[in-house]
Amino acid sequence: MTAAPSRRGRGRRPAAEVRSDVLTAAGRLLLGEGIQAVTFERIAKEAGASKTTLYKWWPSPGALAAEAFFAQSEPLLEFPDTGDLRVDLIAQLTSFVRLLTDGGAGKPISELIGAAQMDPDLSEAWSRTYALPRRELARERLRSAQRNGEIGPDADIDITIDQLWGACYHRLLVLRIPLEDLNVERLVASALRGAR
């Protein structure tokens, strides 16, 4: 005898479940169709949430899109600490480039950054939920390398981060040349020469 499928009861879903469903729907729309698809009306319908809830939690669809991008990319962009900084930087930057190319995030991330120039809510959310947390992960890894003597005690960690990830964003947003052509190993070697 098979058990009857469980049915969701009536009533309100837990807020954490609703938030997770909303972020999943927004991330799927952002990566699949671009930022123009991320509207409160569409996300509310796809996530089974009310627009009132979305307005309560996010000041704009752009702010929601920024948080959804972080939620989608966070597991893919974990920063390893194997004890070998060169290996870890190559692994992290390779994951980032793959997310932008094979993962299809290049267009949405370009759209988010472009829209953030005109949308202060999106700009604040992008910095708070994605850019600054990602930067802090890189700082932590480079500080660890500094403590272990892999880079010099006077190395400018923020400049090193700018060199590494700035090269990716420069190619993506300014030069608009294929990121697949970026030699990550040479980029890391060059940045580490300066940091040492």
N, C-alpha and C. Protein backbone atom coordinates (compact mmCIF):
# COMPACT_ATOMS: atom_id res chain seq x y z
N MET A 1 0.85 -1.19 0.00
CA MET A 1 0.00 0.00 0.00
C MET A 1 0.89 1.24 0.00
N THR A 2 0.65 2.14 -0.94
CA THR A 2 1.47 3.35 -1.01
C THR A 2 0.82 4.46 -0.21
N ALA A 3 1.69 5.27 0.36
CA ALA A 3 1.20 6.39 1.16
C ALA A 3 0.67 7.47 0.24
N ALA A 4 -0.37 8.12 0.69
CA ALA A 4 -0.92 9.24 -0.09
C ALA A 4 0.07 10.38 -0.09
N PRO A 5 0.19 11.09 -1.22
CA PRO A 5 1.13 12.22 -1.25
C PRO A 5 0.73 13.27 -0.23
N SER A 6 1.76 13.83 0.38
CA SER A 6 1.46 14.86 1.39
C SER A 6 1.00 16.13 0.69
N ARG A 7 0.04 16.79 1.28
CA ARG A 7 -0.47 18.04 0.72
C ARG A 7 -0.16 19.16 1.67
N ARG A 8 0.21 20.26 1.10
CA ARG A 8 0.47 21.43 1.92
C ARG A 8 -0.85 21.92 2.50
N GLY A 9 -0.85 22.13 3.79
CA GLY A 9 -2.06 22.59 4.44
C GLY A 9 -2.34 24.05 4.12
N ARG A 10 -3.52 24.45 4.48
CA ARG A 10 -3.87 25.85 4.28
C ARG A 10 -3.16 26.69 5.32
N GLY A 11 -3.11 27.95 5.06
CA GLY A 11 -2.47 28.85 6.00
C GLY A 11 -1.20 29.42 5.41
N ARG A 12 -0.55 30.19 6.24
CA ARG A 12 0.64 30.90 5.78
C ARG A 12 1.86 29.99 5.82
N ARG A 13 2.69 30.14 4.79
CA ARG A 13 3.97 29.43 4.78
C ARG A 13 4.95 30.17 5.67
N PRO A 14 5.93 29.49 6.22
CA PRO A 14 6.95 30.18 7.01
C PRO A 14 7.68 31.22 6.14
N ALA A 15 8.02 32.33 6.74
CA ALA A 15 8.67 33.43 6.01
C ALA A 15 9.95 32.97 5.33
N ALA A 16 10.74 32.14 6.00
CA ALA A 16 12.00 31.67 5.41
C ALA A 16 11.75 30.88 4.13
N GLU A 17 10.69 30.08 4.12
CA GLU A 17 10.35 29.30 2.94
C GLU A 17 9.91 30.22 1.80
N VAL A 18 9.09 31.20 2.11
CA VAL A 18 8.64 32.16 1.09
C VAL A 18 9.84 32.90 0.52
N ARG A 19 10.71 33.38 1.40
CA ARG A 19 11.89 34.14 0.95
C ARG A 19 12.77 33.27 0.04
N SER A 20 12.98 32.04 0.44
CA SER A 20 13.79 31.13 -0.38
C SER A 20 13.15 30.91 -1.75
N ASP A 21 11.84 30.69 -1.78
CA ASP A 21 11.14 30.50 -3.06
C ASP A 21 11.23 31.74 -3.94
N VAL A 22 11.11 32.91 -3.32
CA VAL A 22 11.20 34.17 -4.06
C VAL A 22 12.59 34.34 -4.66
N LEU A 23 13.63 34.11 -3.86
CA LEU A 23 15.01 34.25 -4.35
C LEU A 23 15.31 33.24 -5.46
N THR A 24 14.79 32.03 -5.31
CA THR A 24 15.00 31.01 -6.35
C THR A 24 14.32 31.44 -7.65
N ALA A 25 13.09 31.91 -7.55
CA ALA A 25 12.36 32.35 -8.75
C ALA A 25 13.05 33.54 -9.39
N ALA A 26 13.46 34.50 -8.59
CA ALA A 26 14.12 35.69 -9.13
C ALA A 26 15.45 35.32 -9.79
N GLY A 27 16.21 34.44 -9.15
CA GLY A 27 17.48 34.01 -9.74
C GLY A 27 17.28 33.27 -11.05
N ARG A 28 16.28 32.41 -11.10
CA ARG A 28 15.98 31.67 -12.33
C ARG A 28 15.60 32.64 -13.46
N LEU A 29 14.76 33.62 -13.15
CA LEU A 29 14.35 34.60 -14.17
C LEU A 29 15.54 35.46 -14.60
N LEU A 30 16.33 35.90 -13.63
CA LEU A 30 17.48 36.76 -13.95
C LEU A 30 18.46 36.04 -14.86
N LEU A 31 18.83 34.81 -14.51
CA LEU A 31 19.81 34.08 -15.31
C LEU A 31 19.22 33.58 -16.62
N GLY A 32 17.93 33.31 -16.63
CA GLY A 32 17.31 32.78 -17.84
C GLY A 32 16.87 33.82 -18.84
N GLU A 33 16.37 34.95 -18.34
CA GLU A 33 15.78 35.93 -19.25
C GLU A 33 16.35 37.34 -19.12
N GLY A 34 17.13 37.59 -18.07
CA GLY A 34 17.70 38.92 -17.90
C GLY A 34 16.93 39.75 -16.90
N ILE A 35 17.48 40.91 -16.59
CA ILE A 35 16.93 41.73 -15.51
C ILE A 35 15.54 42.25 -15.82
N GLN A 36 15.20 42.44 -17.08
CA GLN A 36 13.86 42.95 -17.42
C GLN A 36 12.77 41.97 -17.01
N ALA A 37 13.10 40.70 -16.85
CA ALA A 37 12.10 39.70 -16.44
C ALA A 37 11.85 39.72 -14.94
N VAL A 38 12.72 40.37 -14.19
CA VAL A 38 12.60 40.38 -12.73
C VAL A 38 11.66 41.52 -12.32
N THR A 39 10.38 41.21 -12.30
CA THR A 39 9.37 42.17 -11.84
C THR A 39 8.68 41.56 -10.63
N PHE A 40 8.17 42.41 -9.74
CA PHE A 40 7.49 41.90 -8.56
C PHE A 40 6.26 41.06 -8.96
N GLU A 41 5.57 41.48 -9.98
CA GLU A 41 4.37 40.76 -10.41
C GLU A 41 4.72 39.34 -10.87
N ARG A 42 5.74 39.24 -11.69
CA ARG A 42 6.13 37.94 -12.24
C ARG A 42 6.69 37.03 -11.14
N ILE A 43 7.54 37.59 -10.29
CA ILE A 43 8.15 36.78 -9.23
C ILE A 43 7.10 36.32 -8.22
N ALA A 44 6.18 37.20 -7.87
CA ALA A 44 5.12 36.83 -6.93
C ALA A 44 4.33 35.65 -7.49
N LYS A 45 4.02 35.70 -8.77
CA LYS A 45 3.27 34.62 -9.41
C LYS A 45 4.07 33.32 -9.41
N GLU A 46 5.35 33.40 -9.79
CA GLU A 46 6.19 32.19 -9.89
C GLU A 46 6.50 31.59 -8.52
N ALA A 47 6.65 32.43 -7.51
CA ALA A 47 7.03 31.94 -6.18
C ALA A 47 5.82 31.66 -5.29
N GLY A 48 4.63 32.01 -5.75
CA GLY A 48 3.44 31.82 -4.92
C GLY A 48 3.44 32.73 -3.70
N ALA A 49 3.92 33.96 -3.90
CA ALA A 49 4.00 34.94 -2.82
C ALA A 49 3.17 36.16 -3.21
N SER A 50 2.90 37.01 -2.25
CA SER A 50 2.16 38.23 -2.56
C SER A 50 3.11 39.35 -2.93
N LYS A 51 2.64 40.23 -3.79
CA LYS A 51 3.46 41.40 -4.12
C LYS A 51 3.69 42.26 -2.88
N THR A 52 2.73 42.29 -1.98
CA THR A 52 2.89 43.06 -0.74
C THR A 52 4.09 42.57 0.05
N THR A 53 4.26 41.26 0.10
CA THR A 53 5.42 40.69 0.79
C THR A 53 6.71 41.12 0.13
N LEU A 54 6.74 41.09 -1.20
CA LEU A 54 7.96 41.50 -1.92
C LEU A 54 8.29 42.96 -1.65
N TYR A 55 7.28 43.82 -1.69
CA TYR A 55 7.50 45.24 -1.40
C TYR A 55 7.98 45.46 0.04
N LYS A 56 7.53 44.58 0.94
CA LYS A 56 7.93 44.71 2.33
C LYS A 56 9.41 44.34 2.51
N TRP A 57 9.87 43.35 1.75
CA TRP A 57 11.24 42.84 1.93
C TRP A 57 12.28 43.52 1.04
N TRP A 58 11.88 44.02 -0.13
CA TRP A 58 12.84 44.62 -1.06
C TRP A 58 12.30 45.95 -1.56
N PRO A 59 13.14 46.99 -1.61
CA PRO A 59 12.67 48.30 -2.05
C PRO A 59 12.41 48.40 -3.55
N SER A 60 12.99 47.46 -4.33
CA SER A 60 12.78 47.49 -5.78
C SER A 60 13.07 46.10 -6.35
N PRO A 61 12.55 45.83 -7.54
CA PRO A 61 12.90 44.56 -8.19
C PRO A 61 14.40 44.41 -8.40
N GLY A 62 15.08 45.53 -8.66
CA GLY A 62 16.54 45.47 -8.84
C GLY A 62 17.25 45.00 -7.59
N ALA A 63 16.80 45.49 -6.43
CA ALA A 63 17.40 45.06 -5.16
C ALA A 63 17.17 43.56 -4.95
N LEU A 64 15.99 43.08 -5.31
CA LEU A 64 15.71 41.65 -5.22
C LEU A 64 16.60 40.87 -6.18
N ALA A 65 16.78 41.37 -7.39
CA ALA A 65 17.63 40.70 -8.38
C ALA A 65 19.06 40.57 -7.87
N ALA A 66 19.57 41.63 -7.23
CA ALA A 66 20.94 41.58 -6.70
C ALA A 66 21.08 40.50 -5.64
N GLU A 67 20.13 40.44 -4.72
CA GLU A 67 20.19 39.42 -3.68
C GLU A 67 20.03 38.03 -4.26
N ALA A 68 19.17 37.90 -5.26
CA ALA A 68 18.97 36.60 -5.90
C ALA A 68 20.24 36.15 -6.61
N PHE A 69 20.96 37.08 -7.22
CA PHE A 69 22.21 36.72 -7.89
C PHE A 69 23.20 36.18 -6.88
N PHE A 70 23.30 36.83 -5.72
CA PHE A 70 24.22 36.35 -4.68
C PHE A 70 23.80 34.95 -4.24
N ALA A 71 22.52 34.74 -4.01
CA ALA A 71 22.03 33.44 -3.55
C ALA A 71 22.34 32.35 -4.57
N GLN A 72 22.22 32.68 -5.86
CA GLN A 72 22.49 31.70 -6.91
C GLN A 72 23.99 31.43 -7.05
N SER A 73 24.81 32.45 -6.87
CA SER A 73 26.25 32.30 -7.14
C SER A 73 27.06 31.87 -5.92
N GLU A 74 26.54 32.09 -4.72
CA GLU A 74 27.32 31.81 -3.51
C GLU A 74 27.89 30.40 -3.46
N PRO A 75 27.09 29.35 -3.72
CA PRO A 75 27.68 28.00 -3.64
C PRO A 75 28.75 27.75 -4.70
N LEU A 76 28.65 28.44 -5.83
CA LEU A 76 29.60 28.23 -6.92
C LEU A 76 30.90 28.98 -6.72
N LEU A 77 30.89 29.98 -5.85
CA LEU A 77 32.05 30.85 -5.70
C LEU A 77 32.67 30.76 -4.30
N GLU A 78 32.58 29.60 -3.68
CA GLU A 78 33.23 29.43 -2.39
C GLU A 78 34.73 29.67 -2.57
N PHE A 79 35.35 30.25 -1.54
CA PHE A 79 36.77 30.57 -1.65
C PHE A 79 37.57 29.52 -0.90
N PRO A 80 38.31 28.68 -1.62
CA PRO A 80 39.05 27.62 -0.94
C PRO A 80 40.25 28.17 -0.15
N ASP A 81 40.67 27.43 0.84
CA ASP A 81 41.91 27.73 1.58
C ASP A 81 42.63 26.41 1.78
N THR A 82 43.40 26.02 0.77
CA THR A 82 44.14 24.77 0.82
C THR A 82 45.51 24.94 1.44
N GLY A 83 45.89 26.21 1.70
CA GLY A 83 47.24 26.48 2.18
C GLY A 83 48.16 26.92 1.05
N ASP A 84 47.70 26.85 -0.19
CA ASP A 84 48.48 27.28 -1.35
C ASP A 84 47.70 28.40 -2.04
N LEU A 85 48.13 29.64 -1.80
CA LEU A 85 47.39 30.80 -2.30
C LEU A 85 47.25 30.79 -3.81
N ARG A 86 48.32 30.47 -4.52
CA ARG A 86 48.27 30.47 -5.97
C ARG A 86 47.19 29.52 -6.48
N VAL A 87 47.17 28.30 -5.95
CA VAL A 87 46.18 27.30 -6.34
C VAL A 87 44.77 27.79 -6.02
N ASP A 88 44.61 28.39 -4.83
CA ASP A 88 43.28 28.84 -4.40
C ASP A 88 42.77 29.99 -5.26
N LEU A 89 43.65 30.93 -5.60
CA LEU A 89 43.24 32.06 -6.44
C LEU A 89 42.87 31.58 -7.85
N ILE A 90 43.65 30.66 -8.38
CA ILE A 90 43.33 30.12 -9.71
C ILE A 90 41.98 29.41 -9.68
N ALA A 91 41.75 28.62 -8.64
CA ALA A 91 40.47 27.90 -8.53
C ALA A 91 39.31 28.87 -8.41
N GLN A 92 39.44 29.90 -7.58
CA GLN A 92 38.34 30.84 -7.37
C GLN A 92 38.06 31.66 -8.62
N LEU A 93 39.11 32.19 -9.25
CA LEU A 93 38.92 32.99 -10.45
C LEU A 93 38.40 32.15 -11.61
N THR A 94 38.85 30.91 -11.70
CA THR A 94 38.34 30.01 -12.74
C THR A 94 36.85 29.76 -12.53
N SER A 95 36.44 29.55 -11.28
CA SER A 95 35.01 29.37 -10.98
C SER A 95 34.22 30.61 -11.36
N PHE A 96 34.77 31.79 -11.08
CA PHE A 96 34.10 33.05 -11.40
C PHE A 96 33.94 33.20 -12.92
N VAL A 97 35.02 32.95 -13.65
CA VAL A 97 34.96 33.06 -15.11
C VAL A 97 33.98 32.04 -15.68
N ARG A 98 33.96 30.83 -15.14
CA ARG A 98 33.00 29.81 -15.62
C ARG A 98 31.57 30.23 -15.33
N LEU A 99 31.33 30.83 -14.17
CA LEU A 99 29.98 31.31 -13.86
C LEU A 99 29.54 32.33 -14.90
N LEU A 100 30.44 33.24 -15.26
CA LEU A 100 30.10 34.28 -16.22
C LEU A 100 29.94 33.76 -17.64
N THR A 101 30.66 32.71 -17.97
CA THR A 101 30.63 32.20 -19.34
C THR A 101 29.72 30.98 -19.44
N ASP A 102 30.19 29.83 -18.96
CA ASP A 102 29.40 28.59 -19.06
C ASP A 102 28.11 28.67 -18.25
N GLY A 103 28.15 29.36 -17.11
CA GLY A 103 26.98 29.47 -16.25
C GLY A 103 25.96 30.49 -16.72
N GLY A 104 26.31 31.25 -17.75
CA GLY A 104 25.36 32.20 -18.32
C GLY A 104 25.13 33.46 -17.51
N ALA A 105 26.01 33.76 -16.55
CA ALA A 105 25.79 34.92 -15.69
C ALA A 105 26.40 36.21 -16.24
N GLY A 106 27.14 36.12 -17.34
CA GLY A 106 27.79 37.31 -17.88
C GLY A 106 26.80 38.42 -18.24
N LYS A 107 25.75 38.08 -18.96
CA LYS A 107 24.75 39.08 -19.36
C LYS A 107 23.99 39.62 -18.15
N PRO A 108 23.47 38.77 -17.28
CA PRO A 108 22.76 39.31 -16.12
C PRO A 108 23.64 40.17 -15.20
N ILE A 109 24.88 39.78 -15.01
CA ILE A 109 25.74 40.58 -14.13
C ILE A 109 26.03 41.94 -14.78
N SER A 110 26.20 41.94 -16.09
CA SER A 110 26.39 43.21 -16.81
C SER A 110 25.16 44.09 -16.67
N GLU A 111 23.99 43.48 -16.80
CA GLU A 111 22.74 44.24 -16.66
C GLU A 111 22.57 44.78 -15.25
N LEU A 112 22.89 43.96 -14.24
CA LEU A 112 22.78 44.41 -12.86
C LEU A 112 23.69 45.60 -12.59
N ILE A 113 24.94 45.50 -13.01
CA ILE A 113 25.89 46.57 -12.77
C ILE A 113 25.47 47.83 -13.54
N GLY A 114 25.01 47.66 -14.78
CA GLY A 114 24.54 48.81 -15.55
C GLY A 114 23.33 49.48 -14.90
N ALA A 115 22.35 48.67 -14.51
CA ALA A 115 21.14 49.23 -13.89
C ALA A 115 21.45 49.87 -12.54
N ALA A 116 22.46 49.36 -11.84
CA ALA A 116 22.81 49.92 -10.53
C ALA A 116 23.30 51.36 -10.63
N GLN A 117 23.73 51.77 -11.81
CA GLN A 117 24.19 53.16 -11.97
C GLN A 117 23.03 54.14 -11.91
N MET A 118 21.81 53.65 -12.17
CA MET A 118 20.63 54.52 -12.18
C MET A 118 19.63 54.21 -11.07
N ASP A 119 19.80 53.07 -10.41
CA ASP A 119 18.85 52.62 -9.39
C ASP A 119 19.58 52.55 -8.05
N PRO A 120 19.38 53.55 -7.18
CA PRO A 120 20.11 53.56 -5.91
C PRO A 120 19.78 52.36 -5.01
N ASP A 121 18.56 51.85 -5.08
CA ASP A 121 18.22 50.66 -4.29
C ASP A 121 19.01 49.45 -4.77
N LEU A 122 19.08 49.28 -6.08
CA LEU A 122 19.85 48.17 -6.64
C LEU A 122 21.34 48.36 -6.32
N SER A 123 21.84 49.58 -6.47
CA SER A 123 23.25 49.85 -6.18
C SER A 123 23.62 49.47 -4.76
N GLU A 124 22.77 49.87 -3.81
CA GLU A 124 23.02 49.55 -2.40
C GLU A 124 22.94 48.05 -2.16
N ALA A 125 21.93 47.41 -2.74
CA ALA A 125 21.77 45.96 -2.56
C ALA A 125 22.91 45.19 -3.20
N TRP A 126 23.36 45.62 -4.37
CA TRP A 126 24.47 44.96 -5.05
C TRP A 126 25.73 45.00 -4.19
N SER A 127 26.02 46.17 -3.64
CA SER A 127 27.20 46.29 -2.78
C SER A 127 27.05 45.46 -1.51
N ARG A 128 25.90 45.56 -0.87
CA ARG A 128 25.68 44.91 0.43
C ARG A 128 25.56 43.40 0.32
N THR A 129 24.85 42.91 -0.71
CA THR A 129 24.58 41.48 -0.76
C THR A 129 25.54 40.70 -1.65
N TYR A 130 26.28 41.37 -2.53
CA TYR A 130 27.17 40.63 -3.41
C TYR A 130 28.60 41.16 -3.40
N ALA A 131 28.81 42.39 -3.84
CA ALA A 131 30.17 42.88 -4.07
C ALA A 131 31.02 42.92 -2.80
N LEU A 132 30.51 43.52 -1.75
CA LEU A 132 31.30 43.63 -0.52
C LEU A 132 31.52 42.28 0.17
N PRO A 133 30.50 41.41 0.28
CA PRO A 133 30.78 40.09 0.85
C PRO A 133 31.79 39.28 0.04
N ARG A 134 31.71 39.34 -1.30
CA ARG A 134 32.69 38.62 -2.13
C ARG A 134 34.08 39.18 -1.90
N ARG A 135 34.18 40.50 -1.81
CA ARG A 135 35.48 41.14 -1.59
C ARG A 135 36.06 40.74 -0.23
N GLU A 136 35.20 40.66 0.78
CA GLU A 136 35.68 40.30 2.11
C GLU A 136 36.19 38.86 2.15
N LEU A 137 35.57 37.95 1.38
CA LEU A 137 36.09 36.59 1.30
C LEU A 137 37.50 36.58 0.72
N ALA A 138 37.73 37.39 -0.31
CA ALA A 138 39.07 37.47 -0.90
C ALA A 138 40.05 38.08 0.10
N ARG A 139 39.61 39.10 0.82
CA ARG A 139 40.48 39.72 1.83
C ARG A 139 40.90 38.70 2.89
N GLU A 140 39.92 37.92 3.38
CA GLU A 140 40.22 36.92 4.41
C GLU A 140 41.26 35.93 3.91
N ARG A 141 41.10 35.48 2.66
CA ARG A 141 42.06 34.50 2.13
C ARG A 141 43.44 35.13 1.98
N LEU A 142 43.51 36.38 1.52
CA LEU A 142 44.81 37.04 1.35
C LEU A 142 45.44 37.38 2.70
N ARG A 143 44.64 37.72 3.69
CA ARG A 143 45.19 37.95 5.04
C ARG A 143 45.80 36.67 5.59
N SER A 144 45.12 35.56 5.37
CA SER A 144 45.63 34.26 5.79
C SER A 144 46.98 33.99 5.12
N ALA A 145 47.06 34.28 3.82
CA ALA A 145 48.32 34.10 3.09
C ALA A 145 49.41 35.02 3.63
N GLN A 146 49.03 36.21 4.04
CA GLN A 146 49.99 37.15 4.63
C GLN A 146 50.54 36.59 5.94
N ARG A 147 49.65 36.07 6.77
CA ARG A 147 50.08 35.50 8.06
C ARG A 147 51.01 34.31 7.85
N ASN A 148 50.79 33.55 6.75
CA ASN A 148 51.61 32.37 6.47
C ASN A 148 52.86 32.68 5.67
N GLY A 149 53.07 33.96 5.34
CA GLY A 149 54.27 34.35 4.61
C GLY A 149 54.22 34.10 3.12
N GLU A 150 53.03 33.80 2.57
CA GLU A 150 52.94 33.58 1.12
C GLU A 150 52.99 34.89 0.35
N ILE A 151 52.56 35.97 0.97
CA ILE A 151 52.72 37.30 0.38
C ILE A 151 53.32 38.20 1.46
N GLY A 152 53.89 39.31 1.02
CA GLY A 152 54.60 40.18 1.95
C GLY A 152 53.70 40.82 2.98
N PRO A 153 54.26 41.16 4.15
CA PRO A 153 53.46 41.79 5.20
C PRO A 153 52.95 43.17 4.81
N ASP A 154 53.62 43.81 3.85
CA ASP A 154 53.18 45.14 3.43
C ASP A 154 52.42 45.10 2.11
N ALA A 155 52.06 43.89 1.64
CA ALA A 155 51.30 43.78 0.39
C ALA A 155 49.95 44.48 0.56
N ASP A 156 49.55 45.21 -0.47
CA ASP A 156 48.26 45.90 -0.45
C ASP A 156 47.19 44.93 -0.93
N ILE A 157 46.46 44.39 0.02
CA ILE A 157 45.47 43.36 -0.28
C ILE A 157 44.38 43.89 -1.21
N ASP A 158 43.91 45.10 -0.96
CA ASP A 158 42.83 45.64 -1.80
C ASP A 158 43.28 45.86 -3.24
N ILE A 159 44.53 46.29 -3.42
CA ILE A 159 45.04 46.47 -4.79
C ILE A 159 45.14 45.11 -5.48
N THR A 160 45.58 44.10 -4.76
CA THR A 160 45.67 42.76 -5.34
C THR A 160 44.30 42.27 -5.78
N ILE A 161 43.29 42.49 -4.94
CA ILE A 161 41.92 42.10 -5.30
C ILE A 161 41.46 42.86 -6.55
N ASP A 162 41.74 44.16 -6.58
CA ASP A 162 41.37 44.97 -7.75
C ASP A 162 42.02 44.43 -9.02
N GLN A 163 43.31 44.05 -8.92
CA GLN A 163 44.00 43.52 -10.09
C GLN A 163 43.34 42.24 -10.59
N LEU A 164 43.05 41.34 -9.67
CA LEU A 164 42.54 40.02 -10.07
C LEU A 164 41.12 40.09 -10.61
N TRP A 165 40.19 40.56 -9.81
CA TRP A 165 38.79 40.57 -10.24
C TRP A 165 38.51 41.75 -11.17
N GLY A 166 39.25 42.83 -11.01
CA GLY A 166 39.09 43.98 -11.90
C GLY A 166 39.38 43.60 -13.35
N ALA A 167 40.35 42.71 -13.56
CA ALA A 167 40.66 42.26 -14.92
C ALA A 167 39.45 41.57 -15.54
N CYS A 168 38.75 40.78 -14.75
CA CYS A 168 37.55 40.08 -15.25
C CYS A 168 36.45 41.07 -15.59
N TYR A 169 36.16 41.98 -14.65
CA TYR A 169 35.09 42.96 -14.89
C TYR A 169 35.45 43.91 -16.04
N HIS A 170 36.72 44.27 -16.18
CA HIS A 170 37.14 45.16 -17.27
C HIS A 170 36.87 44.50 -18.63
N ARG A 171 37.23 43.23 -18.73
CA ARG A 171 36.97 42.52 -19.98
C ARG A 171 35.46 42.38 -20.25
N LEU A 172 34.71 42.09 -19.19
CA LEU A 172 33.27 41.87 -19.34
C LEU A 172 32.52 43.14 -19.69
N LEU A 173 32.83 44.23 -18.96
CA LEU A 173 32.00 45.44 -19.04
C LEU A 173 32.55 46.53 -19.96
N VAL A 174 33.88 46.62 -20.08
CA VAL A 174 34.46 47.73 -20.83
C VAL A 174 34.93 47.26 -22.21
N LEU A 175 35.82 46.28 -22.22
CA LEU A 175 36.36 45.82 -23.49
C LEU A 175 35.38 44.94 -24.25
N ARG A 176 34.53 44.22 -23.50
CA ARG A 176 33.55 43.31 -24.07
C ARG A 176 34.23 42.29 -24.99
N ILE A 177 35.30 41.69 -24.44
CA ILE A 177 36.00 40.63 -25.16
C ILE A 177 35.78 39.32 -24.40
N PRO A 178 35.93 38.19 -25.07
CA PRO A 178 35.61 36.92 -24.42
C PRO A 178 36.45 36.66 -23.18
N LEU A 179 35.77 36.36 -22.10
CA LEU A 179 36.47 36.03 -20.87
C LEU A 179 37.18 34.69 -20.98
N GLU A 180 36.73 33.84 -21.89
CA GLU A 180 37.38 32.55 -22.07
C GLU A 180 38.84 32.71 -22.48
N ASP A 181 39.18 33.87 -23.08
CA ASP A 181 40.55 34.12 -23.53
C ASP A 181 41.46 34.59 -22.39
N LEU A 182 40.89 34.85 -21.21
CA LEU A 182 41.69 35.32 -20.08
C LEU A 182 42.52 34.16 -19.53
N ASN A 183 43.83 34.35 -19.46
CA ASN A 183 44.71 33.34 -18.90
C ASN A 183 44.78 33.56 -17.40
N VAL A 184 43.97 32.82 -16.66
CA VAL A 184 43.84 33.02 -15.22
C VAL A 184 45.17 32.74 -14.52
N GLU A 185 45.89 31.74 -14.95
CA GLU A 185 47.17 31.41 -14.29
C GLU A 185 48.16 32.55 -14.42
N ARG A 186 48.25 33.16 -15.61
CA ARG A 186 49.16 34.30 -15.80
C ARG A 186 48.70 35.51 -15.00
N LEU A 187 47.40 35.75 -14.94
CA LEU A 187 46.87 36.85 -14.17
C LEU A 187 47.24 36.70 -12.70
N VAL A 188 47.05 35.50 -12.14
CA VAL A 188 47.39 35.25 -10.74
C VAL A 188 48.89 35.38 -10.52
N ALA A 189 49.69 34.85 -11.42
CA ALA A 189 51.15 34.94 -11.27
C ALA A 189 51.60 36.39 -11.25
N SER A 190 51.03 37.21 -12.12
CA SER A 190 51.40 38.62 -12.19
C SER A 190 51.00 39.35 -10.90
N ALA A 191 49.80 39.10 -10.40
CA ALA A 191 49.34 39.77 -9.17
C ALA A 191 50.18 39.33 -7.98
N LEU A 192 50.50 38.06 -7.91
CA LEU A 192 51.30 37.57 -6.78
C LEU A 192 52.72 38.08 -6.80
N ARG A 193 53.30 38.28 -8.00
CA ARG A 193 54.64 38.90 -8.06
C ARG A 193 54.64 40.24 -7.38
N GLY A 194 53.60 41.03 -7.65
CA GLY A 194 53.50 42.35 -7.01
C GLY A 194 53.26 42.24 -5.52
N ALA A 195 52.45 41.27 -5.11
CA ALA A 195 52.11 41.13 -3.69
C ALA A 195 53.29 40.59 -2.87
N ARG A 196 54.22 39.91 -3.53
CA ARG A 196 55.37 39.37 -2.81
C ARG A 196 56.48 40.38 -2.69
